[in-house]
Amino acid sequence: MFGIEDYTESLRKFWQETKGYLELQKEYMTLDAAEKLIVLLSAAALGAICLVIGAMALFFLLFALAAWVGQLSGSVALGFLIMGVVLLLLMAIVYFKRKQWIVQPLARLVVGLFVHDDNEEEPV
């Protein structure tokens, strides 16, 4: 049968294994959090770069469109006024659809990163 020394040795080994397991879990969680943070930051950086370049391109396209509308209407000022009104309407549409077009997709992205189904097999 087992003596007290055998029990204490088994308990000591169990404690060492548990301690090692907890250290590995801590390291895994740190690496997992770092990976998710990198994905979020890279998505934010890519979004910012695309936003700036897209805004510059949109500015020039809208400027050219306003000049063209001005030529068609006979007044450059009227062309810019029409484009201003169109942009205000577009801004209002985006504002009223912000939950569907902005908030919900961002929420799905963040939830998809931080909450995962344990039954789902992770890709290799």
Foldseek 3Di string as FASTA:
>chain_A
DDDPVNVVVVVVVVVVVVVVVVVVVVVVVVVLVVVLVVVVVVVVVVVVVCVVVVVVVVVVVLLVQLCVVCVVVVHSVVSVVVSVVVVVVVVVVCVVCVCVPPVVVVVCSSCVSPPDDPVDDDDD
